[in-house]
Amino acid sequence: MIYLNYNNLDAETQERLLSNSRADVERRHGNDLKAYALKHHLDFEMLLHEEAVKNLYSYTYVFNI
């Protein structure tokens, strides 16, 4: 098995994983993030993107060759 982190993946794979992570974060924490963004006058999309990137580094990527 080979263990990789997000930075070791190609650009297309990174973009797909970021999209999946974004959807996951929005599904789990979307309402909380919206409320936080409104309260602190932040851009929701920027906040969602930052949380999606943080979420990516909590994943473990394992490939069987």
PDB file of N, CA and C in Angstrom:
ATOM      1  N   MET A   1       0.827  -1.178   0.000  1.00  0.00           N
ATOM      2  CA  MET A   1       0.000   0.000   0.000  1.00  0.00           C
ATOM      3  C   MET A   1       0.874   1.244   0.000  1.00  0.00           C
ATOM      4  N   ILE A   2       0.359   2.264  -0.618  1.00  0.00           N
ATOM      5  CA  ILE A   2       1.044   3.543  -0.667  1.00  0.00           C
ATOM      6  C   ILE A   2       0.179   4.576   0.026  1.00  0.00           C
ATOM      7  N   TYR A   3       0.741   5.325   0.954  1.00  0.00           N
ATOM      8  CA  TYR A   3       0.023   6.367   1.670  1.00  0.00           C
ATOM      9  C   TYR A   3       0.457   7.725   1.127  1.00  0.00           C
ATOM     10  N   LEU A   4      -0.494   8.499   0.676  1.00  0.00           N
ATOM     11  CA  LEU A   4      -0.211   9.811   0.116  1.00  0.00           C
ATOM     12  C   LEU A   4      -0.997  10.870   0.864  1.00  0.00           C
ATOM     13  N   ASN A   5      -0.528  12.103   0.770  1.00  0.00           N
ATOM     14  CA  ASN A   5      -1.342  13.198   1.279  1.00  0.00           C
ATOM     15  C   ASN A   5      -1.886  13.976   0.086  1.00  0.00           C
ATOM     16  N   TYR A   6      -2.704  14.941   0.360  1.00  0.00           N
ATOM     17  CA  TYR A   6      -3.399  15.698  -0.676  1.00  0.00           C
ATOM     18  C   TYR A   6      -2.434  16.343  -1.670  1.00  0.00           C
ATOM     19  N   ASN A   7      -1.301  16.826  -1.218  1.00  0.00           N
ATOM     20  CA  ASN A   7      -0.350  17.510  -2.095  1.00  0.00           C
ATOM     21  C   ASN A   7       0.322  16.574  -3.090  1.00  0.00           C
ATOM     22  N   ASN A   8       0.323  15.288  -2.842  1.00  0.00           N
ATOM     23  CA  ASN A   8       0.971  14.341  -3.735  1.00  0.00           C
ATOM     24  C   ASN A   8       0.082  13.915  -4.898  1.00  0.00           C
ATOM     25  N   LEU A   9      -1.135  14.383  -4.945  1.00  0.00           N
ATOM     26  CA  LEU A   9      -2.081  13.974  -5.978  1.00  0.00           C
ATOM     27  C   LEU A   9      -2.047  14.943  -7.150  1.00  0.00           C
ATOM     28  N   ASP A  10      -2.463  14.470  -8.345  1.00  0.00           N
ATOM     29  CA  ASP A  10      -2.464  15.360  -9.512  1.00  0.00           C
ATOM     30  C   ASP A  10      -3.574  16.400  -9.398  1.00  0.00           C
ATOM     31  N   ALA A  11      -3.512  17.436 -10.226  1.00  0.00           N
ATOM     32  CA  ALA A  11      -4.419  18.588 -10.133  1.00  0.00           C
ATOM     33  C   ALA A  11      -5.881  18.190 -10.323  1.00  0.00           C
ATOM     34  N   GLU A  12      -6.141  17.295 -11.259  1.00  0.00           N
ATOM     35  CA  GLU A  12      -7.523  16.861 -11.513  1.00  0.00           C
ATOM     36  C   GLU A  12      -8.104  16.147 -10.295  1.00  0.00           C
ATOM     37  N   THR A  13      -7.328  15.278  -9.695  1.00  0.00           N
ATOM     38  CA  THR A  13      -7.763  14.553  -8.503  1.00  0.00           C
ATOM     39  C   THR A  13      -7.953  15.500  -7.331  1.00  0.00           C
ATOM     40  N   GLN A  14      -7.032  16.466  -7.184  1.00  0.00           N
ATOM     41  CA  GLN A  14      -7.166  17.446  -6.108  1.00  0.00           C
ATOM     42  C   GLN A  14      -8.454  18.243  -6.258  1.00  0.00           C
ATOM     43  N   GLU A  15      -8.764  18.652  -7.488  1.00  0.00           N
ATOM     44  CA  GLU A  15      -9.971  19.441  -7.733  1.00  0.00           C
ATOM     45  C   GLU A  15     -11.230  18.625  -7.426  1.00  0.00           C
ATOM     46  N   ARG A  16     -11.239  17.356  -7.816  1.00  0.00           N
ATOM     47  CA  ARG A  16     -12.387  16.481  -7.541  1.00  0.00           C
ATOM     48  C   ARG A  16     -12.559  16.267  -6.043  1.00  0.00           C
ATOM     49  N   LEU A  17     -11.455  16.030  -5.342  1.00  0.00           N
ATOM     50  CA  LEU A  17     -11.518  15.829  -3.895  1.00  0.00           C
ATOM     51  C   LEU A  17     -11.942  17.107  -3.168  1.00  0.00           C
ATOM     52  N   LEU A  18     -11.483  18.261  -3.646  1.00  0.00           N
ATOM     53  CA  LEU A  18     -11.896  19.529  -3.052  1.00  0.00           C
ATOM     54  C   LEU A  18     -13.394  19.737  -3.228  1.00  0.00           C
ATOM     55  N   SER A  19     -13.904  19.386  -4.386  1.00  0.00           N
ATOM     56  CA  SER A  19     -15.342  19.505  -4.633  1.00  0.00           C
ATOM     57  C   SER A  19     -16.136  18.586  -3.701  1.00  0.00           C
ATOM     58  N   ASN A  20     -15.657  17.364  -3.545  1.00  0.00           N
ATOM     59  CA  ASN A  20     -16.318  16.420  -2.634  1.00  0.00           C
ATOM     60  C   ASN A  20     -16.248  16.905  -1.187  1.00  0.00           C
ATOM     61  N   SER A  21     -15.100  17.426  -0.799  1.00  0.00           N
ATOM     62  CA  SER A  21     -14.913  17.924   0.561  1.00  0.00           C
ATOM     63  C   SER A  21     -15.827  19.119   0.814  1.00  0.00           C
ATOM     64  N   ARG A  22     -15.929  19.992  -0.173  1.00  0.00           N
ATOM     65  CA  ARG A  22     -16.792  21.173  -0.049  1.00  0.00           C
ATOM     66  C   ARG A  22     -18.250  20.756   0.171  1.00  0.00           C
ATOM     67  N   ALA A  23     -18.709  19.791  -0.621  1.00  0.00           N
ATOM     68  CA  ALA A  23     -20.081  19.304  -0.471  1.00  0.00           C
ATOM     69  C   ALA A  23     -20.271  18.661   0.899  1.00  0.00           C
ATOM     70  N   ASP A  24     -19.282  17.924   1.359  1.00  0.00           N
ATOM     71  CA  ASP A  24     -19.344  17.268   2.664  1.00  0.00           C
ATOM     72  C   ASP A  24     -19.424  18.293   3.793  1.00  0.00           C
ATOM     73  N   VAL A  25     -18.570  19.312   3.728  1.00  0.00           N
ATOM     74  CA  VAL A  25     -18.562  20.356   4.761  1.00  0.00           C
ATOM     75  C   VAL A  25     -19.882  21.123   4.745  1.00  0.00           C
ATOM     76  N   GLU A  26     -20.367  21.443   3.547  1.00  0.00           N
ATOM     77  CA  GLU A  26     -21.623  22.190   3.460  1.00  0.00           C
ATOM     78  C   GLU A  26     -22.795  21.365   3.997  1.00  0.00           C
ATOM     79  N   ARG A  27     -22.781  20.073   3.734  1.00  0.00           N
ATOM     80  CA  ARG A  27     -23.845  19.202   4.227  1.00  0.00           C
ATOM     81  C   ARG A  27     -23.814  19.104   5.757  1.00  0.00           C
ATOM     82  N   ARG A  28     -22.616  18.965   6.319  1.00  0.00           N
ATOM     83  CA  ARG A  28     -22.493  18.774   7.763  1.00  0.00           C
ATOM     84  C   ARG A  28     -22.549  20.069   8.564  1.00  0.00           C
ATOM     85  N   HIS A  29     -21.957  21.140   8.032  1.00  0.00           N
ATOM     86  CA  HIS A  29     -21.805  22.363   8.827  1.00  0.00           C
ATOM     87  C   HIS A  29     -22.325  23.619   8.136  1.00  0.00           C
ATOM     88  N   GLY A  30     -23.058  23.461   7.045  1.00  0.00           N
ATOM     89  CA  GLY A  30     -23.489  24.596   6.244  1.00  0.00           C
ATOM     90  C   GLY A  30     -24.256  25.654   7.020  1.00  0.00           C
ATOM     91  N   ASN A  31     -25.229  25.243   7.806  1.00  0.00           N
ATOM     92  CA  ASN A  31     -26.036  26.211   8.560  1.00  0.00           C
ATOM     93  C   ASN A  31     -25.202  26.945   9.607  1.00  0.00           C
ATOM     94  N   ASP A  32     -24.323  26.229  10.278  1.00  0.00           N
ATOM     95  CA  ASP A  32     -23.451  26.854  11.277  1.00  0.00           C
ATOM     96  C   ASP A  32     -22.491  27.844  10.625  1.00  0.00           C
ATOM     97  N   LEU A  33     -21.947  27.465   9.464  1.00  0.00           N
ATOM     98  CA  LEU A  33     -21.023  28.360   8.769  1.00  0.00           C
ATOM     99  C   LEU A  33     -21.734  29.616   8.270  1.00  0.00           C
ATOM    100  N   LYS A  34     -22.964  29.442   7.770  1.00  0.00           N
ATOM    101  CA  LYS A  34     -23.727  30.608   7.306  1.00  0.00           C
ATOM    102  C   LYS A  34     -23.995  31.563   8.463  1.00  0.00           C
ATOM    103  N   ALA A  35     -24.393  31.028   9.583  1.00  0.00           N
ATOM    104  CA  ALA A  35     -24.665  31.866  10.757  1.00  0.00           C
ATOM    105  C   ALA A  35     -23.395  32.576  11.215  1.00  0.00           C
ATOM    106  N   TYR A  36     -22.281  31.870  11.232  1.00  0.00           N
ATOM    107  CA  TYR A  36     -21.009  32.457  11.636  1.00  0.00           C
ATOM    108  C   TYR A  36     -20.597  33.569  10.669  1.00  0.00           C
ATOM    109  N   ALA A  37     -20.748  33.305   9.366  1.00  0.00           N
ATOM    110  CA  ALA A  37     -20.381  34.299   8.358  1.00  0.00           C
ATOM    111  C   ALA A  37     -21.236  35.559   8.492  1.00  0.00           C
ATOM    112  N   LEU A  38     -22.525  35.386   8.730  1.00  0.00           N
ATOM    113  CA  LEU A  38     -23.406  36.552   8.902  1.00  0.00           C
ATOM    114  C   LEU A  38     -23.047  37.338  10.152  1.00  0.00           C
ATOM    115  N   LYS A  39     -22.805  36.632  11.231  1.00  0.00           N
ATOM    116  CA  LYS A  39     -22.504  37.285  12.505  1.00  0.00           C
ATOM    117  C   LYS A  39     -21.207  38.086  12.444  1.00  0.00           C
ATOM    118  N   HIS A  40     -20.204  37.557  11.722  1.00  0.00           N
ATOM    119  CA  HIS A  40     -18.890  38.185  11.689  1.00  0.00           C
ATOM    120  C   HIS A  40     -18.616  38.924  10.367  1.00  0.00           C
ATOM    121  N   HIS A  41     -19.656  39.079   9.549  1.00  0.00           N
ATOM    122  CA  HIS A  41     -19.558  39.806   8.277  1.00  0.00           C
ATOM    123  C   HIS A  41     -18.462  39.240   7.374  1.00  0.00           C
ATOM    124  N   LEU A  42     -18.493  37.923   7.198  1.00  0.00           N
ATOM    125  CA  LEU A  42     -17.519  37.229   6.359  1.00  0.00           C
ATOM    126  C   LEU A  42     -18.196  36.700   5.102  1.00  0.00           C
ATOM    127  N   ASP A  43     -17.399  36.439   4.078  1.00  0.00           N
ATOM    128  CA  ASP A  43     -17.899  35.846   2.851  1.00  0.00           C
ATOM    129  C   ASP A  43     -18.109  34.346   3.075  1.00  0.00           C
ATOM    130  N   PHE A  44     -19.338  33.890   2.925  1.00  0.00           N
ATOM    131  CA  PHE A  44     -19.664  32.483   3.174  1.00  0.00           C
ATOM    132  C   PHE A  44     -18.884  31.565   2.247  1.00  0.00           C
ATOM    133  N   GLU A  45     -18.773  31.921   0.962  1.00  0.00           N
ATOM    134  CA  GLU A  45     -18.071  31.065  -0.001  1.00  0.00           C
ATOM    135  C   GLU A  45     -16.595  30.910   0.364  1.00  0.00           C
ATOM    136  N   MET A  46     -15.970  31.996   0.795  1.00  0.00           N
ATOM    137  CA  MET A  46     -14.569  31.940   1.199  1.00  0.00           C
ATOM    138  C   MET A  46     -14.417  31.058   2.444  1.00  0.00           C
ATOM    139  N   LEU A  47     -15.310  31.228   3.393  1.00  0.00           N
ATOM    140  CA  LEU A  47     -15.285  30.441   4.620  1.00  0.00           C
ATOM    141  C   LEU A  47     -15.494  28.958   4.314  1.00  0.00           C
ATOM    142  N   LEU A  48     -16.432  28.668   3.434  1.00  0.00           N
ATOM    143  CA  LEU A  48     -16.700  27.287   3.040  1.00  0.00           C
ATOM    144  C   LEU A  48     -15.481  26.679   2.355  1.00  0.00           C
ATOM    145  N   HIS A  49     -14.835  27.442   1.484  1.00  0.00           N
ATOM    146  CA  HIS A  49     -13.634  26.951   0.798  1.00  0.00           C
ATOM    147  C   HIS A  49     -12.517  26.639   1.804  1.00  0.00           C
ATOM    148  N   GLU A  50     -12.301  27.533   2.757  1.00  0.00           N
ATOM    149  CA  GLU A  50     -11.254  27.317   3.763  1.00  0.00           C
ATOM    150  C   GLU A  50     -11.533  26.069   4.596  1.00  0.00           C
ATOM    151  N   GLU A  51     -12.771  25.880   4.982  1.00  0.00           N
ATOM    152  CA  GLU A  51     -13.126  24.698   5.765  1.00  0.00           C
ATOM    153  C   GLU A  51     -13.006  23.423   4.936  1.00  0.00           C
ATOM    154  N   ALA A  52     -13.316  23.502   3.647  1.00  0.00           N
ATOM    155  CA  ALA A  52     -13.190  22.336   2.767  1.00  0.00           C
ATOM    156  C   ALA A  52     -11.731  21.934   2.630  1.00  0.00           C
ATOM    157  N   VAL A  53     -10.837  22.921   2.524  1.00  0.00           N
ATOM    158  CA  VAL A  53      -9.406  22.623   2.431  1.00  0.00           C
ATOM    159  C   VAL A  53      -8.910  22.001   3.738  1.00  0.00           C
ATOM    160  N   LYS A  54      -9.336  22.542   4.862  1.00  0.00           N
ATOM    161  CA  LYS A  54      -8.953  21.949   6.154  1.00  0.00           C
ATOM    162  C   LYS A  54      -9.452  20.512   6.244  1.00  0.00           C
ATOM    163  N   ASN A  55     -10.659  20.285   5.762  1.00  0.00           N
ATOM    164  CA  ASN A  55     -11.264  18.953   5.803  1.00  0.00           C
ATOM    165  C   ASN A  55     -10.460  17.951   4.963  1.00  0.00           C
ATOM    166  N   LEU A  56      -9.881  18.406   3.857  1.00  0.00           N
ATOM    167  CA  LEU A  56      -9.097  17.519   2.994  1.00  0.00           C
ATOM    168  C   LEU A  56      -7.929  16.891   3.734  1.00  0.00           C
ATOM    169  N   TYR A  57      -7.319  17.644   4.619  1.00  0.00           N
ATOM    170  CA  TYR A  57      -6.157  17.137   5.323  1.00  0.00           C
ATOM    171  C   TYR A  57      -6.527  16.196   6.466  1.00  0.00           C
ATOM    172  N   SER A  58      -7.815  15.999   6.703  1.00  0.00           N
ATOM    173  CA  SER A  58      -8.226  15.017   7.697  1.00  0.00           C
ATOM    174  C   SER A  58      -8.445  13.649   7.049  1.00  0.00           C
ATOM    175  N   TYR A  59      -8.441  13.599   5.721  1.00  0.00           N
ATOM    176  CA  TYR A  59      -8.608  12.336   5.003  1.00  0.00           C
ATOM    177  C   TYR A  59      -7.294  11.589   4.943  1.00  0.00           C
ATOM    178  N   THR A  60      -7.370  10.261   4.835  1.00  0.00           N
ATOM    179  CA  THR A  60      -6.210   9.423   4.585  1.00  0.00           C
ATOM    180  C   THR A  60      -6.398   8.805   3.203  1.00  0.00           C
ATOM    181  N   TYR A  61      -5.426   8.985   2.339  1.00  0.00           N
ATOM    182  CA  TYR A  61      -5.500   8.466   0.977  1.00  0.00           C
ATOM    183  C   TYR A  61      -4.655   7.210   0.893  1.00  0.00           C
ATOM    184  N   VAL A  62      -5.275   6.104   0.540  1.00  0.00           N
ATOM    185  CA  VAL A  62      -4.580   4.835   0.454  1.00  0.00           C
ATOM    186  C   VAL A  62      -4.843   4.242  -0.920  1.00  0.00           C
ATOM    187  N   PHE A  63      -3.766   3.843  -1.600  1.00  0.00           N
ATOM    188  CA  PHE A  63      -3.886   3.264  -2.925  1.00  0.00           C
ATOM    189  C   PHE A  63      -3.252   1.883  -2.912  1.00  0.00           C
ATOM    190  N   ASN A  64      -3.959   0.933  -3.461  1.00  0.00           N
ATOM    191  CA  ASN A  64      -3.406  -0.412  -3.632  1.00  0.00           C
ATOM    192  C   ASN A  64      -2.897  -0.543  -5.053  1.00  0.00           C
ATOM    193  N   ILE A  65      -1.658  -0.984  -5.191  1.00  0.00           N
ATOM    194  CA  ILE A  65      -1.072  -1.132  -6.533  1.00  0.00           C
ATOM    195  C   ILE A  65      -0.813  -2.601  -6.783  1.00  0.00           C
TER     196      ILE A  65
END
